[in-house]
Amino acid sequence: QLQLVESGGGLVQPGGSLRLSCVASGSTLENSAAGWFRQAPGKAREGVASISAYDGSTYYEHSVQGRFTISRDNAKNTVYLQMDRLKPEDTGVYYCVVNLGYEYLWLSTDEYDYWGQGTQVTVSS
């Protein structure tokens, strides 16, 4: 059974950076797409970024394009989200998600089976 554990969240000032990590256990991520979603207080969960299984193509929600970078290290079974130039509206709980055995993970839906427990990101002065 695939398990995902996120880390790296915290409190940061506007304009700062954070790097989130998602370590997988129980199954290899090598043949699966992965991504990050977030949920702000009182709002629906939204897709932020995803990375494909084989060629590493990346996809971003428009508000984070150019500020966030998703990457993966299959040898470490880990997915990362580098977040730069953070804004208060980036505040929320960030979740790692894996579309096990599939090449792509679409940000337009959250109907996936494997999620991490979430890590809190707070952007505030």
Foldseek 3Di string as FASTA:
>chain_A
DKAKAKDWADEAAQQAKIKMKIAIPPDFCQQWKKFKWWDDPPGDIFTAKIFFRHPGDMDGDPVQVPFWDWDDDRVRSMIMIIGGSDDQVVWGWMKMAIQPNGGTDDRVDDPHDYIHPTDTHGYHD
